C-alpha atoms as a PDB file:
ATOM      1  CA  MET A   1      56.157  76.357  86.940  1.00  0.00           C
ATOM      2  CA  LEU A   2      52.508  76.122  87.982  1.00  0.00           C
ATOM      3  CA  GLY A   3      50.439  78.410  85.789  1.00  0.00           C
ATOM      4  CA  ARG A   4      46.710  78.318  85.242  1.00  0.00           C
ATOM      5  CA  LYS A   5      43.918  81.024  85.240  1.00  0.00           C
ATOM      6  CA  ARG A   6      42.271  82.393  88.449  1.00  0.00           C
ATOM      7  CA  GLU A   7      38.807  81.216  89.034  1.00  0.00           C
ATOM      8  CA  LYS A   8      36.037  83.838  89.276  1.00  0.00           C
ATOM      9  CA  GLY A   9      36.329  86.239  92.075  1.00  0.00           C
ATOM     10  CA  GLU A  10      39.964  85.034  93.092  1.00  0.00           C
ATOM     11  CA  SER A  11      42.804  87.526  93.801  1.00  0.00           C
ATOM     12  CA  ASP A  12      46.321  86.664  92.224  1.00  0.00           C
ATOM     13  CA  TRP A  13      47.370  85.587  95.653  1.00  0.00           C
ATOM     14  CA  GLU A  14      44.364  83.267  96.145  1.00  0.00           C
ATOM     15  CA  ALA A  15      44.775  81.320  92.913  1.00  0.00           C
ATOM     16  CA  LEU A  16      48.626  80.879  93.460  1.00  0.00           C
ATOM     17  CA  ARG A  17      47.643  79.598  97.084  1.00  0.00           C
ATOM     18  CA  ARG A  18      44.876  77.417  95.846  1.00  0.00           C
ATOM     19  CA  GLU A  19      47.107  76.088  92.880  1.00  0.00           C
ATOM     20  CA  VAL A  20      50.048  75.439  94.937  1.00  0.00           C
ATOM     21  CA  GLN A  21      47.780  73.407  97.607  1.00  0.00           C
ATOM     22  CA  GLU A  22      46.152  71.420  94.597  1.00  0.00           C
ATOM     23  CA  ASP A  23      49.151  70.717  92.384  1.00  0.00           C
ATOM     24  CA  LEU A  24      52.047  70.097  95.318  1.00  0.00           C
ATOM     25  CA  ASN A  25      50.279  69.542  98.596  1.00  0.00           C
ATOM     26  CA  VAL A  26      51.953  72.381 100.476  1.00  0.00           C
ATOM     27  CA  SER A  27      50.508  75.413 102.034  1.00  0.00           C
ATOM     28  CA  LEU A  28      52.305  78.917 101.204  1.00  0.00           C
ATOM     29  CA  ILE A  29      52.968  81.329 103.957  1.00  0.00           C
ATOM     30  CA  ALA A  30      51.076  84.572 103.462  1.00  0.00           C
ATOM     31  CA  GLU A  31      54.036  86.942 105.259  1.00  0.00           C
ATOM     32  CA  THR A  32      56.748  85.665 102.934  1.00  0.00           C
ATOM     33  CA  LEU A  33      55.035  86.222  99.491  1.00  0.00           C
ATOM     34  CA  THR A  34      57.041  88.518  97.087  1.00  0.00           C
ATOM     35  CA  GLU A  35      56.449  89.190  93.389  1.00  0.00           C
ATOM     36  CA  VAL A  36      59.478  88.248  91.674  1.00  0.00           C
ATOM     37  CA  MET A  37      58.570  89.249  88.080  1.00  0.00           C
ATOM     38  CA  PHE A  38      56.018  91.073  86.069  1.00  0.00           C
ATOM     39  CA  VAL A  39      55.670  89.962  82.339  1.00  0.00           C
ATOM     40  CA  GLN A  40      53.435  91.355  79.548  1.00  0.00           C
ATOM     41  CA  GLU A  41      54.441  89.215  76.294  1.00  0.00           C
ATOM     42  CA  VAL A  42      52.849  87.817  73.405  1.00  0.00           C
ATOM     43  CA  ALA A  43      51.787  84.292  74.156  1.00  0.00           C
ATOM     44  CA  HIS A  44      53.467  81.194  72.486  1.00  0.00           C
ATOM     45  CA  GLY A  45      51.544  78.952  70.355  1.00  0.00           C
ATOM     46  CA  TYR A  46      48.482  80.861  69.208  1.00  0.00           C
ATOM     47  CA  ALA A  47      47.859  81.796  65.402  1.00  0.00           C
ATOM     48  CA  GLU A  48      46.703  85.297  66.241  1.00  0.00           C
ATOM     49  CA  PRO A  49      48.867  87.484  68.722  1.00  0.00           C
ATOM     50  CA  THR A  50      47.640  87.076  72.000  1.00  0.00           C
ATOM     51  CA  GLN A  51      49.078  89.416  74.935  1.00  0.00           C
ATOM     52  CA  VAL A  52      49.535  87.484  77.999  1.00  0.00           C
ATOM     53  CA  THR A  53      50.343  88.971  81.544  1.00  0.00           C
ATOM     54  CA  MET A  54      52.074  86.830  84.069  1.00  0.00           C
ATOM     55  CA  ARG A  55      52.903  87.554  87.666  1.00  0.00           C
ATOM     56  CA  CYS A  56      55.586  85.568  89.266  1.00  0.00           C
ATOM     57  CA  PHE A  57      55.826  85.077  92.872  1.00  0.00           C
ATOM     58  CA  GLY A  58      58.004  83.570  95.491  1.00  0.00           C
ATOM     59  CA  ALA A  59      57.055  82.481  99.059  1.00  0.00           C
ATOM     60  CA  ASP A  60      58.072  80.011 101.792  1.00  0.00           C
ATOM     61  CA  TYR A  61      55.696  77.082 102.534  1.00  0.00           C
ATOM     62  CA  MET A  62      54.672  74.510 104.936  1.00  0.00           C
ATOM     63  CA  GLY A  63      54.682  70.763 104.406  1.00  0.00           C
ATOM     64  CA  ASP A  64      56.286  68.222 102.071  1.00  0.00           C
ATOM     65  CA  ILE A  65      56.138  68.714  98.444  1.00  0.00           C
ATOM     66  CA  ILE A  66      54.054  65.912  96.845  1.00  0.00           C
ATOM     67  CA  ALA A  67      53.189  66.299  93.172  1.00  0.00           C
ATOM     68  CA  SER A  68      49.640  65.738  92.025  1.00  0.00           C
ATOM     69  CA  SER A  69      48.902  63.574  88.939  1.00  0.00           C
ATOM     70  CA  GLU A  70      48.786  66.610  86.766  1.00  0.00           C
ATOM     71  CA  ILE A  71      52.487  67.450  87.577  1.00  0.00           C
ATOM     72  CA  GLU A  72      55.018  65.897  85.240  1.00  0.00           C
ATOM     73  CA  ALA A  73      58.289  66.521  87.141  1.00  0.00           C
ATOM     74  CA  ILE A  74      59.524  68.640  90.195  1.00  0.00           C
ATOM     75  CA  ALA A  75      62.995  70.125  90.070  1.00  0.00           C
ATOM     76  CA  TRP A  76      64.758  73.231  91.785  1.00  0.00           C
ATOM     77  CA  LEU A  77      65.954  75.458  89.510  1.00  0.00           C
ATOM     78  CA  ARG A  78      68.005  78.926  89.658  1.00  0.00           C
ATOM     79  CA  TYR A  79      67.070  81.897  88.018  1.00  0.00           C
ATOM     80  CA  MET A  80      69.820  81.527  85.633  1.00  0.00           C
ATOM     81  CA  ASP A  81      68.111  78.218  84.688  1.00  0.00           C
ATOM     82  CA  LEU A  82      64.795  79.724  83.589  1.00  0.00           C
ATOM     83  CA  ASP A  83      65.338  78.798  80.219  1.00  0.00           C
ATOM     84  CA  GLN A  84      65.177  75.102  80.802  1.00  0.00           C
ATOM     85  CA  CYS A  85      61.263  75.454  81.804  1.00  0.00           C
ATOM     86  CA  VAL A  86      59.630  78.375  79.845  1.00  0.00           C
ATOM     87  CA  GLN A  87      59.729  79.729  76.217  1.00  0.00           C
ATOM     88  CA  PRO A  88      62.333  82.734  76.576  1.00  0.00           C
ATOM     89  CA  LEU A  89      60.709  86.041  77.448  1.00  0.00           C
ATOM     90  CA  ASN A  90      61.777  89.258  76.175  1.00  0.00           C
ATOM     91  CA  GLY A  91      64.262  90.913  78.261  1.00  0.00           C
ATOM     92  CA  TYR A  92      64.519  88.108  81.139  1.00  0.00           C
END
């Protein structure tokens, strides 16, 4: 799961498109963008409780996926396999 922060002035969509292009070398198709999940939760790994907000999207893409050097592994997962790649989220 890609997950970094927006650059100054970027919308969530612009950040998503940029990160996917940089990390996976594919272009997202804007017309297919859908918000899959919105989560507000306590962030994992901080000494003090820190609230994090995550918006998770789905979209079709053009091109062949080629992982950048920052990507450790690529795998296709079903929603029911979500626990394999992230800390458990309350309610999901």
